[in-house]
Amino acid sequence: MELRHMEMTGTGTKGLPGANDPHVLEVVRQAHEELRQLMRQRADIMKRIGTVKQTIVGLANLFGDEVLNEELLELVDRKTNGRQPGFTKACRMVLMEAQRPLTAREVCEQIQQRIPPVLSRHKDPLASVTTVLNRLVDYGEARAIVRENGRRAWQWVSDPTEAVPPPRQGLARA
Protein backbone atom coordinates (compact mmCIF):
# COMPACT_ATOMS: atom_id res chain seq x y z
CA MET A 1 0.00 0.00 0.00
CA GLU A 2 2.83 2.40 0.91
CA LEU A 3 4.66 1.61 -2.38
CA ARG A 4 1.48 2.30 -4.33
CA HIS A 5 1.15 5.65 -2.51
CA MET A 6 4.72 6.57 -3.47
CA GLU A 7 4.06 5.69 -7.14
CA MET A 8 0.91 7.81 -7.20
CA THR A 9 2.52 10.80 -5.52
CA GLY A 10 5.58 10.63 -7.76
CA THR A 11 8.07 10.15 -4.95
CA GLY A 12 9.23 6.82 -6.45
CA THR A 13 12.16 5.19 -4.68
CA LYS A 14 13.41 8.46 -3.19
CA GLY A 15 11.29 7.78 -0.10
CA LEU A 16 12.65 4.27 0.44
CA PRO A 17 15.13 3.74 3.27
CA GLY A 18 18.73 3.77 2.04
CA ALA A 19 17.96 5.38 -1.32
CA ASN A 20 20.18 8.35 -0.46
CA ASP A 21 22.59 6.51 1.85
CA PRO A 22 26.12 6.97 0.43
CA HIS A 23 27.14 3.47 1.61
CA VAL A 24 24.23 1.87 -0.24
CA LEU A 25 24.96 3.94 -3.34
CA GLU A 26 28.64 2.90 -3.21
CA VAL A 27 27.72 -0.80 -2.97
CA VAL A 28 25.37 -0.40 -5.94
CA ARG A 29 28.06 1.46 -7.91
CA GLN A 30 30.63 -1.27 -7.21
CA ALA A 31 28.18 -4.04 -8.10
CA HIS A 32 27.35 -2.21 -11.33
CA GLU A 33 31.03 -1.89 -12.24
CA GLU A 34 31.68 -5.56 -11.47
CA LEU A 35 28.70 -6.58 -13.59
CA ARG A 36 29.98 -4.48 -16.51
CA GLN A 37 33.44 -6.04 -16.15
CA LEU A 38 32.02 -9.57 -16.06
CA MET A 39 29.91 -8.86 -19.15
CA ARG A 40 33.05 -7.69 -21.00
CA GLN A 41 34.89 -10.83 -19.90
CA ARG A 42 31.99 -12.99 -21.06
CA ALA A 43 32.05 -11.33 -24.48
CA ASP A 44 35.82 -11.89 -24.73
CA ILE A 45 35.45 -15.54 -23.72
CA MET A 46 32.62 -16.08 -26.23
CA LYS A 47 34.79 -14.60 -29.00
CA ARG A 48 37.72 -16.83 -28.04
CA ILE A 49 35.49 -19.91 -27.93
CA GLY A 50 34.26 -19.03 -31.40
CA THR A 51 37.79 -18.60 -32.71
CA VAL A 52 38.91 -21.96 -31.30
CA LYS A 53 35.78 -23.69 -32.63
CA GLN A 54 36.36 -22.14 -36.05
CA THR A 55 39.94 -23.45 -36.02
CA ILE A 56 38.78 -26.95 -35.08
CA VAL A 57 36.06 -26.91 -37.76
CA GLY A 58 38.63 -25.78 -40.33
CA LEU A 59 40.96 -28.63 -39.35
CA ALA A 60 38.10 -31.12 -39.51
CA ASN A 61 37.17 -29.81 -42.97
CA LEU A 62 40.78 -30.28 -44.13
CA PHE A 63 41.56 -33.63 -42.53
CA GLY A 64 38.14 -35.16 -41.89
CA ASP A 65 36.00 -35.50 -38.78
CA GLU A 66 37.96 -38.60 -37.74
CA VAL A 67 40.74 -36.32 -36.38
CA LEU A 68 38.25 -35.20 -33.71
CA ASN A 69 37.31 -37.31 -30.70
CA GLU A 70 33.68 -37.73 -29.61
CA GLU A 71 33.78 -34.84 -27.16
CA LEU A 72 35.24 -32.45 -29.75
CA LEU A 73 32.67 -33.52 -32.35
CA GLU A 74 29.95 -32.65 -29.88
CA LEU A 75 31.56 -29.36 -28.81
CA VAL A 76 31.76 -28.11 -32.40
CA ASP A 77 28.26 -29.39 -33.28
CA ARG A 78 29.45 -32.01 -35.78
CA LYS A 79 28.39 -35.13 -33.91
CA THR A 80 25.65 -37.03 -35.67
CA ASN A 81 23.87 -38.43 -32.64
CA GLY A 82 20.36 -37.72 -33.88
CA ARG A 83 20.04 -34.75 -31.56
CA GLN A 84 19.71 -31.46 -33.40
CA PRO A 85 21.84 -28.51 -32.35
CA GLY A 86 20.05 -25.51 -30.96
CA PHE A 87 18.93 -22.63 -33.11
CA THR A 88 21.70 -20.28 -31.96
CA LYS A 89 24.31 -23.02 -32.38
CA ALA A 90 23.06 -23.64 -35.92
CA CYS A 91 23.42 -19.94 -36.76
CA ARG A 92 26.91 -19.91 -35.25
CA MET A 93 27.92 -22.99 -37.22
CA VAL A 94 26.72 -21.50 -40.51
CA LEU A 95 28.53 -18.20 -39.91
CA MET A 96 31.74 -19.91 -38.74
CA GLU A 97 31.93 -22.06 -41.85
CA ALA A 98 30.97 -19.31 -44.31
CA GLN A 99 33.69 -17.90 -46.54
CA ARG A 100 31.93 -14.52 -46.82
CA PRO A 101 29.31 -12.44 -45.00
CA LEU A 102 25.82 -13.94 -45.26
CA THR A 103 22.38 -12.36 -45.23
CA ALA A 104 19.78 -13.66 -42.80
CA ARG A 105 18.04 -15.34 -45.75
CA GLU A 106 21.28 -17.11 -46.73
CA VAL A 107 21.76 -18.30 -43.14
CA CYS A 108 18.18 -19.63 -43.22
CA GLU A 109 18.88 -21.46 -46.48
CA GLN A 110 22.06 -23.02 -45.08
CA ILE A 111 20.25 -24.21 -41.95
CA GLN A 112 17.42 -25.55 -44.13
CA GLN A 113 19.94 -27.58 -46.16
CA ARG A 114 21.83 -28.93 -43.14
CA ILE A 115 19.31 -29.33 -40.32
CA PRO A 116 15.76 -28.55 -41.49
CA PRO A 117 14.06 -29.55 -38.20
CA VAL A 118 15.70 -26.57 -36.47
CA LEU A 119 13.77 -24.13 -38.68
CA SER A 120 10.51 -26.08 -38.56
CA ARG A 121 10.06 -25.17 -34.88
CA HIS A 122 9.89 -21.44 -35.70
CA LYS A 123 6.81 -19.55 -36.87
CA ASP A 124 8.92 -16.99 -38.77
CA PRO A 125 12.40 -18.50 -39.30
CA LEU A 126 13.80 -15.43 -41.07
CA ALA A 127 12.85 -13.16 -38.16
CA SER A 128 14.27 -15.69 -35.67
CA VAL A 129 17.56 -15.93 -37.58
CA THR A 130 17.81 -12.13 -37.77
CA THR A 131 17.26 -11.88 -34.01
CA VAL A 132 19.96 -14.49 -33.30
CA LEU A 133 22.42 -12.82 -35.70
CA ASN A 134 21.90 -9.48 -33.97
CA ARG A 135 22.50 -11.15 -30.61
CA LEU A 136 25.73 -12.66 -31.91
CA VAL A 137 26.79 -9.11 -32.84
CA ASP A 138 25.89 -7.95 -29.33
CA TYR A 139 27.98 -10.82 -27.89
CA GLY A 140 30.91 -9.75 -30.09
CA GLU A 141 30.91 -13.08 -31.97
CA ALA A 142 29.80 -11.65 -35.30
CA ARG A 143 29.68 -8.31 -37.05
CA ALA A 144 27.03 -6.83 -39.30
CA ILE A 145 27.99 -5.17 -42.54
CA VAL A 146 25.96 -3.40 -45.20
CA ARG A 147 26.39 -4.81 -48.68
CA GLU A 148 26.55 -2.60 -51.76
CA ASN A 149 22.87 -3.37 -52.43
CA GLY A 150 21.98 -1.89 -49.02
CA ARG A 151 21.19 -5.27 -47.45
CA ARG A 152 22.72 -6.31 -44.15
CA ALA A 153 24.95 -9.35 -43.92
CA TRP A 154 26.70 -10.97 -40.98
CA GLN A 155 30.20 -12.35 -40.66
CA TRP A 156 31.81 -14.45 -37.95
CA VAL A 157 34.47 -12.56 -35.99
CA SER A 158 37.45 -14.90 -35.87
CA ASP A 159 39.77 -12.33 -34.30
CA PRO A 160 38.42 -10.45 -31.26
CA THR A 161 40.25 -7.30 -32.40
CA GLU A 162 38.03 -7.30 -35.51
CA ALA A 163 34.88 -6.85 -33.42
CA VAL A 164 33.16 -3.53 -33.68
CA PRO A 165 31.21 -2.38 -30.63
CA PRO A 166 27.48 -3.04 -31.14
CA PRO A 167 25.15 -0.07 -31.64
CA ARG A 168 23.73 1.23 -28.39
CA GLN A 169 20.08 1.13 -27.50
CA GLY A 170 17.83 3.53 -29.31
CA LEU A 171 19.38 2.92 -32.71
CA ALA A 172 17.06 1.27 -35.17
CA ARG A 173 17.93 -2.13 -36.58
CA ALA A 174 16.81 -3.06 -40.07
C-alpha atoms as a PDB file:
ATOM      1  CA  MET A   1       0.000   0.000   0.000  1.00  0.00           C
ATOM      2  CA  GLU A   2       2.826   2.398   0.908  1.00  0.00           C
ATOM      3  CA  LEU A   3       4.659   1.606  -2.380  1.00  0.00           C
ATOM      4  CA  ARG A   4       1.476   2.301  -4.334  1.00  0.00           C
ATOM      5  CA  HIS A   5       1.146   5.652  -2.509  1.00  0.00           C
ATOM      6  CA  MET A   6       4.724   6.571  -3.469  1.00  0.00           C
ATOM      7  CA  GLU A   7       4.061   5.691  -7.139  1.00  0.00           C
ATOM      8  CA  MET A   8       0.909   7.806  -7.199  1.00  0.00           C
ATOM      9  CA  THR A   9       2.516  10.795  -5.516  1.00  0.00           C
ATOM     10  CA  GLY A  10       5.582  10.626  -7.759  1.00  0.00           C
ATOM     11  CA  THR A  11       8.071  10.147  -4.949  1.00  0.00           C
ATOM     12  CA  GLY A  12       9.231   6.824  -6.451  1.00  0.00           C
ATOM     13  CA  THR A  13      12.164   5.190  -4.685  1.00  0.00           C
ATOM     14  CA  LYS A  14      13.411   8.464  -3.191  1.00  0.00           C
ATOM     15  CA  GLY A  15      11.286   7.784  -0.100  1.00  0.00           C
ATOM     16  CA  LEU A  16      12.652   4.274   0.437  1.00  0.00           C
ATOM     17  CA  PRO A  17      15.128   3.740   3.268  1.00  0.00           C
ATOM     18  CA  GLY A  18      18.733   3.774   2.042  1.00  0.00           C
ATOM     19  CA  ALA A  19      17.958   5.383  -1.315  1.00  0.00           C
ATOM     20  CA  ASN A  20      20.184   8.352  -0.455  1.00  0.00           C
ATOM     21  CA  ASP A  21      22.588   6.509   1.846  1.00  0.00           C
ATOM     22  CA  PRO A  22      26.122   6.967   0.435  1.00  0.00           C
ATOM     23  CA  HIS A  23      27.138   3.470   1.608  1.00  0.00           C
ATOM     24  CA  VAL A  24      24.226   1.865  -0.237  1.00  0.00           C
ATOM     25  CA  LEU A  25      24.964   3.943  -3.336  1.00  0.00           C
ATOM     26  CA  GLU A  26      28.641   2.897  -3.215  1.00  0.00           C
ATOM     27  CA  VAL A  27      27.724  -0.799  -2.966  1.00  0.00           C
ATOM     28  CA  VAL A  28      25.366  -0.404  -5.940  1.00  0.00           C
ATOM     29  CA  ARG A  29      28.058   1.460  -7.911  1.00  0.00           C
ATOM     30  CA  GLN A  30      30.630  -1.268  -7.207  1.00  0.00           C
ATOM     31  CA  ALA A  31      28.184  -4.036  -8.096  1.00  0.00           C
ATOM     32  CA  HIS A  32      27.347  -2.205 -11.325  1.00  0.00           C
ATOM     33  CA  GLU A  33      31.033  -1.890 -12.243  1.00  0.00           C
ATOM     34  CA  GLU A  34      31.678  -5.559 -11.467  1.00  0.00           C
ATOM     35  CA  LEU A  35      28.702  -6.580 -13.593  1.00  0.00           C
ATOM     36  CA  ARG A  36      29.983  -4.484 -16.512  1.00  0.00           C
ATOM     37  CA  GLN A  37      33.445  -6.045 -16.149  1.00  0.00           C
ATOM     38  CA  LEU A  38      32.019  -9.573 -16.063  1.00  0.00           C
ATOM     39  CA  MET A  39      29.905  -8.863 -19.149  1.00  0.00           C
ATOM     40  CA  ARG A  40      33.047  -7.687 -21.004  1.00  0.00           C
ATOM     41  CA  GLN A  41      34.886 -10.832 -19.896  1.00  0.00           C
ATOM     42  CA  ARG A  42      31.994 -12.994 -21.060  1.00  0.00           C
ATOM     43  CA  ALA A  43      32.051 -11.325 -24.481  1.00  0.00           C
ATOM     44  CA  ASP A  44      35.819 -11.892 -24.729  1.00  0.00           C
ATOM     45  CA  ILE A  45      35.447 -15.541 -23.721  1.00  0.00           C
ATOM     46  CA  MET A  46      32.617 -16.084 -26.234  1.00  0.00           C
ATOM     47  CA  LYS A  47      34.792 -14.597 -28.999  1.00  0.00           C
ATOM     48  CA  ARG A  48      37.717 -16.825 -28.035  1.00  0.00           C
ATOM     49  CA  ILE A  49      35.489 -19.908 -27.925  1.00  0.00           C
ATOM     50  CA  GLY A  50      34.256 -19.027 -31.404  1.00  0.00           C
ATOM     51  CA  THR A  51      37.788 -18.603 -32.712  1.00  0.00           C
ATOM     52  CA  VAL A  52      38.912 -21.956 -31.303  1.00  0.00           C
ATOM     53  CA  LYS A  53      35.779 -23.686 -32.631  1.00  0.00           C
ATOM     54  CA  GLN A  54      36.361 -22.143 -36.048  1.00  0.00           C
ATOM     55  CA  THR A  55      39.943 -23.448 -36.021  1.00  0.00           C
ATOM     56  CA  ILE A  56      38.784 -26.948 -35.078  1.00  0.00           C
ATOM     57  CA  VAL A  57      36.058 -26.907 -37.758  1.00  0.00           C
ATOM     58  CA  GLY A  58      38.631 -25.781 -40.331  1.00  0.00           C
ATOM     59  CA  LEU A  59      40.964 -28.633 -39.355  1.00  0.00           C
ATOM     60  CA  ALA A  60      38.101 -31.124 -39.515  1.00  0.00           C
ATOM     61  CA  ASN A  61      37.169 -29.810 -42.972  1.00  0.00           C
ATOM     62  CA  LEU A  62      40.776 -30.279 -44.132  1.00  0.00           C
ATOM     63  CA  PHE A  63      41.564 -33.631 -42.529  1.00  0.00           C
ATOM     64  CA  GLY A  64      38.136 -35.164 -41.892  1.00  0.00           C
ATOM     65  CA  ASP A  65      35.999 -35.500 -38.777  1.00  0.00           C
ATOM     66  CA  GLU A  66      37.963 -38.598 -37.744  1.00  0.00           C
ATOM     67  CA  VAL A  67      40.740 -36.325 -36.381  1.00  0.00           C
ATOM     68  CA  LEU A  68      38.249 -35.202 -33.706  1.00  0.00           C
ATOM     69  CA  ASN A  69      37.306 -37.310 -30.704  1.00  0.00           C
ATOM     70  CA  GLU A  70      33.683 -37.735 -29.606  1.00  0.00           C
ATOM     71  CA  GLU A  71      33.783 -34.838 -27.161  1.00  0.00           C
ATOM     72  CA  LEU A  72      35.243 -32.450 -29.747  1.00  0.00           C
ATOM     73  CA  LEU A  73      32.671 -33.522 -32.348  1.00  0.00           C
ATOM     74  CA  GLU A  74      29.949 -32.648 -29.883  1.00  0.00           C
ATOM     75  CA  LEU A  75      31.559 -29.359 -28.812  1.00  0.00           C
ATOM     76  CA  VAL A  76      31.762 -28.111 -32.404  1.00  0.00           C
ATOM     77  CA  ASP A  77      28.259 -29.389 -33.279  1.00  0.00           C
ATOM     78  CA  ARG A  78      29.448 -32.012 -35.778  1.00  0.00           C
ATOM     79  CA  LYS A  79      28.391 -35.135 -33.912  1.00  0.00           C
ATOM     80  CA  THR A  80      25.649 -37.029 -35.667  1.00  0.00           C
ATOM     81  CA  ASN A  81      23.871 -38.432 -32.643  1.00  0.00           C
ATOM     82  CA  GLY A  82      20.362 -37.722 -33.876  1.00  0.00           C
ATOM     83  CA  ARG A  83      20.036 -34.751 -31.559  1.00  0.00           C
ATOM     84  CA  GLN A  84      19.712 -31.460 -33.401  1.00  0.00           C
ATOM     85  CA  PRO A  85      21.844 -28.514 -32.354  1.00  0.00           C
ATOM     86  CA  GLY A  86      20.050 -25.513 -30.956  1.00  0.00           C
ATOM     87  CA  PHE A  87      18.931 -22.633 -33.107  1.00  0.00           C
ATOM     88  CA  THR A  88      21.699 -20.277 -31.961  1.00  0.00           C
ATOM     89  CA  LYS A  89      24.305 -23.018 -32.378  1.00  0.00           C
ATOM     90  CA  ALA A  90      23.060 -23.641 -35.916  1.00  0.00           C
ATOM     91  CA  CYS A  91      23.424 -19.941 -36.761  1.00  0.00           C
ATOM     92  CA  ARG A  92      26.913 -19.908 -35.251  1.00  0.00           C
ATOM     93  CA  MET A  93      27.916 -22.986 -37.218  1.00  0.00           C
ATOM     94  CA  VAL A  94      26.725 -21.501 -40.513  1.00  0.00           C
ATOM     95  CA  LEU A  95      28.531 -18.200 -39.906  1.00  0.00           C
ATOM     96  CA  MET A  96      31.743 -19.911 -38.741  1.00  0.00           C
ATOM     97  CA  GLU A  97      31.930 -22.063 -41.852  1.00  0.00           C
ATOM     98  CA  ALA A  98      30.970 -19.306 -44.305  1.00  0.00           C
ATOM     99  CA  GLN A  99      33.691 -17.895 -46.536  1.00  0.00           C
ATOM    100  CA  ARG A 100      31.926 -14.519 -46.823  1.00  0.00           C
ATOM    101  CA  PRO A 101      29.313 -12.440 -45.000  1.00  0.00           C
ATOM    102  CA  LEU A 102      25.819 -13.938 -45.261  1.00  0.00           C
ATOM    103  CA  THR A 103      22.383 -12.355 -45.230  1.00  0.00           C
ATOM    104  CA  ALA A 104      19.782 -13.664 -42.805  1.00  0.00           C
ATOM    105  CA  ARG A 105      18.041 -15.339 -45.749  1.00  0.00           C
ATOM    106  CA  GLU A 106      21.281 -17.107 -46.726  1.00  0.00           C
ATOM    107  CA  VAL A 107      21.764 -18.296 -43.140  1.00  0.00           C
ATOM    108  CA  CYS A 108      18.178 -19.633 -43.217  1.00  0.00           C
ATOM    109  CA  GLU A 109      18.882 -21.461 -46.479  1.00  0.00           C
ATOM    110  CA  GLN A 110      22.064 -23.022 -45.081  1.00  0.00           C
ATOM    111  CA  ILE A 111      20.246 -24.210 -41.948  1.00  0.00           C
ATOM    112  CA  GLN A 112      17.422 -25.546 -44.131  1.00  0.00           C
ATOM    113  CA  GLN A 113      19.944 -27.580 -46.162  1.00  0.00           C
ATOM    114  CA  ARG A 114      21.829 -28.928 -43.144  1.00  0.00           C
ATOM    115  CA  ILE A 115      19.312 -29.330 -40.316  1.00  0.00           C
ATOM    116  CA  PRO A 116      15.755 -28.547 -41.486  1.00  0.00           C
ATOM    117  CA  PRO A 117      14.059 -29.548 -38.198  1.00  0.00           C
ATOM    118  CA  VAL A 118      15.703 -26.568 -36.468  1.00  0.00           C
ATOM    119  CA  LEU A 119      13.765 -24.130 -38.678  1.00  0.00           C
ATOM    120  CA  SER A 120      10.512 -26.081 -38.555  1.00  0.00           C
ATOM    121  CA  ARG A 121      10.062 -25.173 -34.884  1.00  0.00           C
ATOM    122  CA  HIS A 122       9.886 -21.444 -35.698  1.00  0.00           C
ATOM    123  CA  LYS A 123       6.810 -19.548 -36.871  1.00  0.00           C
ATOM    124  CA  ASP A 124       8.922 -16.985 -38.771  1.00  0.00           C
ATOM    125  CA  PRO A 125      12.395 -18.505 -39.303  1.00  0.00           C
ATOM    126  CA  LEU A 126      13.802 -15.433 -41.071  1.00  0.00           C
ATOM    127  CA  ALA A 127      12.854 -13.161 -38.161  1.00  0.00           C
ATOM    128  CA  SER A 128      14.270 -15.686 -35.673  1.00  0.00           C
ATOM    129  CA  VAL A 129      17.564 -15.931 -37.578  1.00  0.00           C
ATOM    130  CA  THR A 130      17.812 -12.132 -37.773  1.00  0.00           C
ATOM    131  CA  THR A 131      17.262 -11.880 -34.014  1.00  0.00           C
ATOM    132  CA  VAL A 132      19.957 -14.486 -33.305  1.00  0.00           C
ATOM    133  CA  LEU A 133      22.421 -12.824 -35.701  1.00  0.00           C
ATOM    134  CA  ASN A 134      21.897  -9.476 -33.970  1.00  0.00           C
ATOM    135  CA  ARG A 135      22.499 -11.152 -30.607  1.00  0.00           C
ATOM    136  CA  LEU A 136      25.733 -12.658 -31.910  1.00  0.00           C
ATOM    137  CA  VAL A 137      26.793  -9.112 -32.844  1.00  0.00           C
ATOM    138  CA  ASP A 138      25.886  -7.949 -29.325  1.00  0.00           C
ATOM    139  CA  TYR A 139      27.981 -10.820 -27.892  1.00  0.00           C
ATOM    140  CA  GLY A 140      30.908  -9.753 -30.090  1.00  0.00           C
ATOM    141  CA  GLU A 141      30.906 -13.085 -31.967  1.00  0.00           C
ATOM    142  CA  ALA A 142      29.805 -11.645 -35.295  1.00  0.00           C
ATOM    143  CA  ARG A 143      29.681  -8.311 -37.047  1.00  0.00           C
ATOM    144  CA  ALA A 144      27.034  -6.832 -39.301  1.00  0.00           C
ATOM    145  CA  ILE A 145      27.994  -5.168 -42.541  1.00  0.00           C
ATOM    146  CA  VAL A 146      25.957  -3.400 -45.198  1.00  0.00           C
ATOM    147  CA  ARG A 147      26.393  -4.807 -48.678  1.00  0.00           C
ATOM    148  CA  GLU A 148      26.553  -2.601 -51.761  1.00  0.00           C
ATOM    149  CA  ASN A 149      22.870  -3.373 -52.435  1.00  0.00           C
ATOM    150  CA  GLY A 150      21.984  -1.895 -49.018  1.00  0.00           C
ATOM    151  CA  ARG A 151      21.192  -5.274 -47.446  1.00  0.00           C
ATOM    152  CA  ARG A 152      22.715  -6.312 -44.151  1.00  0.00           C
ATOM    153  CA  ALA A 153      24.948  -9.350 -43.916  1.00  0.00           C
ATOM    154  CA  TRP A 154      26.698 -10.968 -40.982  1.00  0.00           C
ATOM    155  CA  GLN A 155      30.204 -12.352 -40.665  1.00  0.00           C
ATOM    156  CA  TRP A 156      31.811 -14.445 -37.951  1.00  0.00           C
ATOM    157  CA  VAL A 157      34.470 -12.564 -35.992  1.00  0.00           C
ATOM    158  CA  SER A 158      37.452 -14.901 -35.873  1.00  0.00           C
ATOM    159  CA  ASP A 159      39.774 -12.332 -34.297  1.00  0.00           C
ATOM    160  CA  PRO A 160      38.421 -10.450 -31.257  1.00  0.00           C
ATOM    161  CA  THR A 161      40.246  -7.300 -32.396  1.00  0.00           C
ATOM    162  CA  GLU A 162      38.026  -7.297 -35.505  1.00  0.00           C
ATOM    163  CA  ALA A 163      34.883  -6.848 -33.417  1.00  0.00           C
ATOM    164  CA  VAL A 164      33.156  -3.530 -33.679  1.00  0.00           C
ATOM    165  CA  PRO A 165      31.205  -2.382 -30.635  1.00  0.00           C
ATOM    166  CA  PRO A 166      27.482  -3.037 -31.143  1.00  0.00           C
ATOM    167  CA  PRO A 167      25.152  -0.066 -31.638  1.00  0.00           C
ATOM    168  CA  ARG A 168      23.730   1.229 -28.394  1.00  0.00           C
ATOM    169  CA  GLN A 169      20.077   1.133 -27.497  1.00  0.00           C
ATOM    170  CA  GLY A 170      17.832   3.528 -29.313  1.00  0.00           C
ATOM    171  CA  LEU A 171      19.382   2.915 -32.711  1.00  0.00           C
ATOM    172  CA  ALA A 172      17.063   1.268 -35.168  1.00  0.00           C
ATOM    173  CA  ARG A 173      17.934  -2.135 -36.584  1.00  0.00           C
ATOM    174  CA  ALA A 174      16.810  -3.061 -40.073  1.00  0.00           C
END
